[in-house]
PDB file of N, CA and C in Angstrom:
ATOM      1  N   MET A   1     118.235  18.729 164.868  1.00  0.00           N
ATOM      2  CA  MET A   1     116.838  19.694 164.602  1.00  0.00           C
ATOM      3  C   MET A   1     116.255  20.177 163.992  1.00  0.00           C
ATOM      4  N   ASN A   2     116.015  19.330 162.592  1.00  0.00           N
ATOM      5  CA  ASN A   2     114.968  20.280 161.681  1.00  0.00           C
ATOM      6  C   ASN A   2     113.505  20.805 162.090  1.00  0.00           C
ATOM      7  N   SER A   3     113.269  22.199 161.538  1.00  0.00           N
ATOM      8  CA  SER A   3     112.223  22.892 161.609  1.00  0.00           C
ATOM      9  C   SER A   3     111.203  22.776 160.491  1.00  0.00           C
ATOM     10  N   ARG A   4     111.697  22.578 159.567  1.00  0.00           N
ATOM     11  CA  ARG A   4     110.528  22.506 158.115  1.00  0.00           C
ATOM     12  C   ARG A   4     109.577  22.216 158.416  1.00  0.00           C
ATOM     13  N   LYS A   5     108.679  22.727 157.864  1.00  0.00           N
ATOM     14  CA  LYS A   5     107.293  22.077 156.979  1.00  0.00           C
ATOM     15  C   LYS A   5     107.302  21.399 156.051  1.00  0.00           C
ATOM     16  N   GLN A   6     106.212  20.492 155.949  1.00  0.00           N
ATOM     17  CA  GLN A   6     106.441  19.788 154.917  1.00  0.00           C
ATOM     18  C   GLN A   6     105.135  19.868 154.889  1.00  0.00           C
ATOM     19  N   THR A   7     104.912  20.430 153.468  1.00  0.00           N
ATOM     20  CA  THR A   7     103.519  21.323 153.034  1.00  0.00           C
ATOM     21  C   THR A   7     102.958  20.145 152.064  1.00  0.00           C
ATOM     22  N   LYS A   8     101.951  20.381 151.585  1.00  0.00           N
ATOM     23  CA  LYS A   8     101.655  19.209 150.587  1.00  0.00           C
ATOM     24  C   LYS A   8     100.661  20.228 149.249  1.00  0.00           C
ATOM     25  N   ASN A   9     101.474  20.069 147.673  1.00  0.00           N
ATOM     26  CA  ASN A   9     100.660  20.610 147.196  1.00  0.00           C
ATOM     27  C   ASN A   9      99.624  19.560 145.753  1.00  0.00           C
ATOM     28  N   ASN A  10      98.643  20.545 145.571  1.00  0.00           N
ATOM     29  CA  ASN A  10      98.440  19.596 144.909  1.00  0.00           C
ATOM     30  C   ASN A  10      98.360  19.540 143.616  1.00  0.00           C
ATOM     31  N   ASN A  11      98.977  21.321 142.979  1.00  0.00           N
ATOM     32  CA  ASN A  11      98.944  21.087 141.979  1.00  0.00           C
ATOM     33  C   ASN A  11      99.904  20.937 141.450  1.00  0.00           C
ATOM     34  N   VAL A  12     101.225  20.127 141.915  1.00  0.00           N
ATOM     35  CA  VAL A  12     102.314  19.973 141.501  1.00  0.00           C
ATOM     36  C   VAL A  12     103.192  18.803 140.537  1.00  0.00           C
ATOM     37  N   GLN A  13     102.750  18.226 139.769  1.00  0.00           N
ATOM     38  CA  GLN A  13     102.980  17.189 139.163  1.00  0.00           C
ATOM     39  C   GLN A  13     104.614  16.675 139.703  1.00  0.00           C
ATOM     40  N   GLY A  14     104.617  15.405 138.729  1.00  0.00           N
ATOM     41  CA  GLY A  14     105.484  13.879 139.781  1.00  0.00           C
ATOM     42  C   GLY A  14     106.769  15.165 139.025  1.00  0.00           C
ATOM     43  N   ASN A  15     106.553  15.388 137.956  1.00  0.00           N
ATOM     44  CA  ASN A  15     108.275  16.270 137.197  1.00  0.00           C
ATOM     45  C   ASN A  15     108.669  18.029 138.032  1.00  0.00           C
ATOM     46  N   GLY A  16     107.949  18.020 138.601  1.00  0.00           N
ATOM     47  CA  GLY A  16     108.227  19.390 139.234  1.00  0.00           C
ATOM     48  C   GLY A  16     106.848  20.509 138.743  1.00  0.00           C
ATOM     49  N   SER A  17     106.649  19.939 137.560  1.00  0.00           N
ATOM     50  CA  SER A  17     106.393  21.111 136.533  1.00  0.00           C
ATOM     51  C   SER A  17     104.728  21.597 137.346  1.00  0.00           C
ATOM     52  N   VAL A  18     104.523  22.487 137.364  1.00  0.00           N
ATOM     53  CA  VAL A  18     102.928  22.768 138.295  1.00  0.00           C
ATOM     54  C   VAL A  18     101.733  23.307 137.319  1.00  0.00           C
ATOM     55  N   GLN A  19     100.485  22.264 138.261  1.00  0.00           N
ATOM     56  CA  GLN A  19      99.380  22.206 136.280  1.00  0.00           C
ATOM     57  C   GLN A  19      98.698  23.482 136.765  1.00  0.00           C
ATOM     58  N   GLU A  20      97.828  24.308 136.144  1.00  0.00           N
ATOM     59  CA  GLU A  20      98.064  25.590 136.030  1.00  0.00           C
ATOM     60  C   GLU A  20      96.105  25.116 135.759  1.00  0.00           C
ATOM     61  N   PRO A  21      94.922  26.133 136.241  1.00  0.00           N
ATOM     62  CA  PRO A  21      94.144  25.559 135.822  1.00  0.00           C
ATOM     63  C   PRO A  21      93.596  26.712 134.314  1.00  0.00           C
ATOM     64  N   GLN A  22      92.551  25.804 133.623  1.00  0.00           N
ATOM     65  CA  GLN A  22      92.828  26.547 132.525  1.00  0.00           C
ATOM     66  C   GLN A  22      91.677  28.112 132.239  1.00  0.00           C
ATOM     67  N   PRO A  23      92.554  29.311 131.691  1.00  0.00           N
ATOM     68  CA  PRO A  23      91.361  30.255 131.886  1.00  0.00           C
ATOM     69  C   PRO A  23      90.014  29.570 131.073  1.00  0.00           C
ATOM     70  N   LEU A  24      89.259  31.010 131.423  1.00  0.00           N
ATOM     71  CA  LEU A  24      87.598  30.911 130.551  1.00  0.00           C
ATOM     72  C   LEU A  24      88.287  31.481 129.146  1.00  0.00           C
ATOM     73  N   TYR A  25      87.290  31.597 128.297  1.00  0.00           N
ATOM     74  CA  TYR A  25      87.865  32.016 127.482  1.00  0.00           C
ATOM     75  C   TYR A  25      86.313  31.975 127.335  1.00  0.00           C
ATOM     76  N   GLY A  26      85.994  33.808 126.609  1.00  0.00           N
ATOM     77  CA  GLY A  26      84.574  33.573 125.834  1.00  0.00           C
ATOM     78  C   GLY A  26      83.435  33.550 127.108  1.00  0.00           C
ATOM     79  N   PHE A  27      81.922  34.705 126.869  1.00  0.00           N
ATOM     80  CA  PHE A  27      81.123  34.310 127.805  1.00  0.00           C
ATOM     81  C   PHE A  27      81.294  33.131 128.637  1.00  0.00           C
ATOM     82  N   VAL A  28      80.853  33.402 129.620  1.00  0.00           N
ATOM     83  CA  VAL A  28      80.315  32.098 130.985  1.00  0.00           C
ATOM     84  C   VAL A  28      78.814  32.887 131.499  1.00  0.00           C
ATOM     85  N   SER A  29      77.760  32.258 130.879  1.00  0.00           N
ATOM     86  CA  SER A  29      76.830  31.773 131.329  1.00  0.00           C
ATOM     87  C   SER A  29      76.580  31.889 132.541  1.00  0.00           C
ATOM     88  N   LYS A  30      75.425  32.478 134.018  1.00  0.00           N
ATOM     89  CA  LYS A  30      75.312  31.705 134.843  1.00  0.00           C
ATOM     90  C   LYS A  30      73.835  31.829 135.514  1.00  0.00           C
ATOM     91  N   SER A  31      72.730  31.543 136.242  1.00  0.00           N
ATOM     92  CA  SER A  31      71.852  31.604 135.653  1.00  0.00           C
ATOM     93  C   SER A  31      71.581  32.970 137.122  1.00  0.00           C
ATOM     94  N   PRO A  32      70.095  32.939 136.925  1.00  0.00           N
ATOM     95  CA  PRO A  32      69.847  34.540 137.786  1.00  0.00           C
ATOM     96  C   PRO A  32      70.582  34.114 139.030  1.00  0.00           C
ATOM     97  N   GLU A  33      70.022  33.131 139.538  1.00  0.00           N
ATOM     98  CA  GLU A  33      70.479  32.966 141.150  1.00  0.00           C
ATOM     99  C   GLU A  33      71.843  32.956 141.329  1.00  0.00           C
ATOM    100  N   GLU A  34      72.784  32.063 140.756  1.00  0.00           N
ATOM    101  CA  GLU A  34      74.030  32.361 140.694  1.00  0.00           C
ATOM    102  C   GLU A  34      74.348  33.266 140.956  1.00  0.00           C
ATOM    103  N   LYS A  35      74.283  34.015 139.938  1.00  0.00           N
ATOM    104  CA  LYS A  35      74.380  36.086 139.702  1.00  0.00           C
ATOM    105  C   LYS A  35      74.094  37.007 141.221  1.00  0.00           C
ATOM    106  N   LEU A  36      72.914  36.681 141.888  1.00  0.00           N
ATOM    107  CA  LEU A  36      72.278  37.089 143.131  1.00  0.00           C
ATOM    108  C   LEU A  36      73.790  36.507 144.118  1.00  0.00           C
ATOM    109  N   ALA A  37      73.239  35.034 144.243  1.00  0.00           N
ATOM    110  CA  ALA A  37      74.678  34.394 144.952  1.00  0.00           C
ATOM    111  C   ALA A  37      76.103  35.172 145.130  1.00  0.00           C
ATOM    112  N   ASP A  38      76.327  35.342 143.985  1.00  0.00           N
ATOM    113  CA  ASP A  38      77.781  35.940 143.722  1.00  0.00           C
ATOM    114  C   ASP A  38      77.944  37.768 144.146  1.00  0.00           C
ATOM    115  N   LEU A  39      76.724  37.921 144.074  1.00  0.00           N
ATOM    116  CA  LEU A  39      76.815  39.890 144.368  1.00  0.00           C
ATOM    117  C   LEU A  39      76.591  40.312 145.707  1.00  0.00           C
ATOM    118  N   VAL A  40      75.410  38.871 146.750  1.00  0.00           N
ATOM    119  CA  VAL A  40      75.604  38.534 147.993  1.00  0.00           C
ATOM    120  C   VAL A  40      76.621  38.818 148.810  1.00  0.00           C
ATOM    121  N   PHE A  41      77.493  38.374 147.832  1.00  0.00           N
ATOM    122  CA  PHE A  41      79.015  37.932 149.197  1.00  0.00           C
ATOM    123  C   PHE A  41      80.337  39.050 148.880  1.00  0.00           C
ATOM    124  N   LYS A  42      79.870  39.820 148.060  1.00  0.00           N
ATOM    125  CA  LYS A  42      80.686  41.178 146.893  1.00  0.00           C
ATOM    126  C   LYS A  42      80.723  42.519 148.515  1.00  0.00           C
ATOM    127  N   PRO A  43      81.790  43.150 148.321  1.00  0.00           N
ATOM    128  CA  PRO A  43      82.208  44.114 149.459  1.00  0.00           C
ATOM    129  C   PRO A  43      80.588  44.912 149.225  1.00  0.00           C
ATOM    130  N   ASP A  44      80.676  45.840 150.332  1.00  0.00           N
ATOM    131  CA  ASP A  44      79.814  46.992 149.653  1.00  0.00           C
ATOM    132  C   ASP A  44      79.797  47.895 148.289  1.00  0.00           C
ATOM    133  N   ILE A  45      81.356  48.222 148.154  1.00  0.00           N
ATOM    134  CA  ILE A  45      81.407  49.096 147.341  1.00  0.00           C
ATOM    135  C   ILE A  45      81.238  48.820 145.863  1.00  0.00           C
ATOM    136  N   GLU A  46      81.529  46.953 146.276  1.00  0.00           N
ATOM    137  CA  GLU A  46      81.261  46.374 144.663  1.00  0.00           C
ATOM    138  C   GLU A  46      79.688  46.414 144.313  1.00  0.00           C
ATOM    139  N   LYS A  47      79.027  46.252 145.574  1.00  0.00           N
ATOM    140  CA  LYS A  47      77.944  45.912 145.782  1.00  0.00           C
ATOM    141  C   LYS A  47      76.879  47.088 144.699  1.00  0.00           C
ATOM    142  N   LEU A  48      77.097  48.366 145.190  1.00  0.00           N
ATOM    143  CA  LEU A  48      76.971  49.932 145.455  1.00  0.00           C
ATOM    144  C   LEU A  48      77.721  50.842 143.100  1.00  0.00           C
ATOM    145  N   GLN A  49      78.562  49.240 142.545  1.00  0.00           N
ATOM    146  CA  GLN A  49      79.157  50.026 141.738  1.00  0.00           C
ATOM    147  C   GLN A  49      78.474  49.123 140.973  1.00  0.00           C
ATOM    148  N   ALA A  50      77.690  47.633 141.265  1.00  0.00           N
ATOM    149  CA  ALA A  50      76.850  46.983 139.954  1.00  0.00           C
ATOM    150  C   ALA A  50      75.569  47.769 140.168  1.00  0.00           C
ATOM    151  N   PHE A  51      74.828  47.850 141.114  1.00  0.00           N
ATOM    152  CA  PHE A  51      74.009  48.930 141.069  1.00  0.00           C
ATOM    153  C   PHE A  51      73.850  49.917 140.337  1.00  0.00           C
ATOM    154  N   THR A  52      75.171  51.169 140.866  1.00  0.00           N
ATOM    155  CA  THR A  52      74.511  52.246 139.446  1.00  0.00           C
ATOM    156  C   THR A  52      75.110  51.766 137.913  1.00  0.00           C
ATOM    157  N   LYS A  53      75.995  50.602 138.228  1.00  0.00           N
ATOM    158  CA  LYS A  53      76.102  50.537 136.693  1.00  0.00           C
ATOM    159  C   LYS A  53      74.954  49.915 136.167  1.00  0.00           C
ATOM    160  N   MET A  54      73.605  49.186 136.794  1.00  0.00           N
ATOM    161  CA  MET A  54      72.507  48.536 136.259  1.00  0.00           C
ATOM    162  C   MET A  54      71.713  49.942 136.378  1.00  0.00           C
ATOM    163  N   LEU A  55      71.485  51.059 136.942  1.00  0.00           N
ATOM    164  CA  LEU A  55      70.887  51.942 136.994  1.00  0.00           C
ATOM    165  C   LEU A  55      71.180  52.669 135.146  1.00  0.00           C
ATOM    166  N   ARG A  56      72.772  52.968 135.618  1.00  0.00           N
ATOM    167  CA  ARG A  56      73.234  53.605 133.630  1.00  0.00           C
ATOM    168  C   ARG A  56      72.797  53.062 132.739  1.00  0.00           C
ATOM    169  N   ARG A  57      72.787  51.815 132.601  1.00  0.00           N
ATOM    170  CA  ARG A  57      72.657  51.260 131.924  1.00  0.00           C
ATOM    171  C   ARG A  57      70.869  51.330 131.195  1.00  0.00           C
ATOM    172  N   ASN A  58      70.267  50.854 132.684  1.00  0.00           N
ATOM    173  CA  ASN A  58      68.529  50.729 132.046  1.00  0.00           C
ATOM    174  C   ASN A  58      69.016  52.600 131.722  1.00  0.00           C
ATOM    175  N   ALA A  59      69.252  53.377 132.191  1.00  0.00           N
ATOM    176  CA  ALA A  59      68.460  54.490 131.741  1.00  0.00           C
ATOM    177  C   ALA A  59      68.986  54.813 130.649  1.00  0.00           C
ATOM    178  N   THR A  60      70.001  54.038 129.713  1.00  0.00           N
ATOM    179  CA  THR A  60      70.590  53.894 128.172  1.00  0.00           C
ATOM    180  C   THR A  60      69.530  53.609 127.321  1.00  0.00           C
ATOM    181  N   LEU A  61      69.776  52.359 128.007  1.00  0.00           N
ATOM    182  CA  LEU A  61      68.528  51.440 126.749  1.00  0.00           C
ATOM    183  C   LEU A  61      66.793  52.500 126.524  1.00  0.00           C
ATOM    184  N   LYS A  62      66.929  53.257 127.889  1.00  0.00           N
ATOM    185  CA  LYS A  62      65.539  54.098 127.387  1.00  0.00           C
ATOM    186  C   LYS A  62      65.831  55.065 126.707  1.00  0.00           C
ATOM    187  N   ARG A  63      66.622  55.326 126.914  1.00  0.00           N
ATOM    188  CA  ARG A  63      67.098  56.623 125.524  1.00  0.00           C
ATOM    189  C   ARG A  63      67.537  55.996 124.190  1.00  0.00           C
ATOM    190  N   GLY A  64      67.563  55.138 123.871  1.00  0.00           N
ATOM    191  CA  GLY A  64      68.130  55.024 122.646  1.00  0.00           C
ATOM    192  C   GLY A  64      66.295  54.644 122.060  1.00  0.00           C
ATOM    193  N   ILE A  65      66.519  55.449 120.788  1.00  0.00           N
ATOM    194  CA  ILE A  65      66.105  55.531 119.237  1.00  0.00           C
ATOM    195  C   ILE A  65      66.056  54.143 118.821  1.00  0.00           C
ATOM    196  N   VAL A  66      65.320  53.053 118.890  1.00  0.00           N
ATOM    197  CA  VAL A  66      65.545  51.781 118.019  1.00  0.00           C
ATOM    198  C   VAL A  66      64.912  52.318 116.412  1.00  0.00           C
ATOM    199  N   THR A  67      65.408  52.268 115.585  1.00  0.00           N
ATOM    200  CA  THR A  67      64.924  52.174 113.702  1.00  0.00           C
ATOM    201  C   THR A  67      64.823  50.803 112.948  1.00  0.00           C
ATOM    202  N   TYR A  68      63.990  50.760 112.182  1.00  0.00           N
ATOM    203  CA  TYR A  68      64.033  49.122 111.638  1.00  0.00           C
ATOM    204  C   TYR A  68      64.075  49.564 109.638  1.00  0.00           C
ATOM    205  N   PRO A  69      64.523  48.965 109.441  1.00  0.00           N
ATOM    206  CA  PRO A  69      64.617  49.686 107.879  1.00  0.00           C
ATOM    207  C   PRO A  69      63.845  48.665 107.293  1.00  0.00           C
ATOM    208  N   THR A  70      63.491  49.533 106.207  1.00  0.00           N
ATOM    209  CA  THR A  70      62.155  49.806 105.384  1.00  0.00           C
ATOM    210  C   THR A  70      62.740  49.139 104.517  1.00  0.00           C
ATOM    211  N   GLU A  71      61.159  48.557 103.910  1.00  0.00           N
ATOM    212  CA  GLU A  71      62.035  47.965 102.528  1.00  0.00           C
ATOM    213  C   GLU A  71      61.456  48.654 101.690  1.00  0.00           C
ATOM    214  N   LYS A  72      62.429  48.418 100.185  1.00  0.00           N
ATOM    215  CA  LYS A  72      61.754  49.613  98.831  1.00  0.00           C
ATOM    216  C   LYS A  72      60.786  48.257  98.065  1.00  0.00           C
TER     217      LYS A  72
END
């Protein structure tokens, strides 16, 4: 009586090595709809953190002083 379960692993190649997904480097650009969809399914605490981060960023941008170089 053998009670071992046979599992199928799609990430294992024929020689026994595991194929891992490639890491993402740099910036990943998402449309506003994709960003909103990602935010909808996050837990409430992460939604609150994203909201407060947005408020802090907006306040920082309003306080910022932009100076333009003058030509001599």
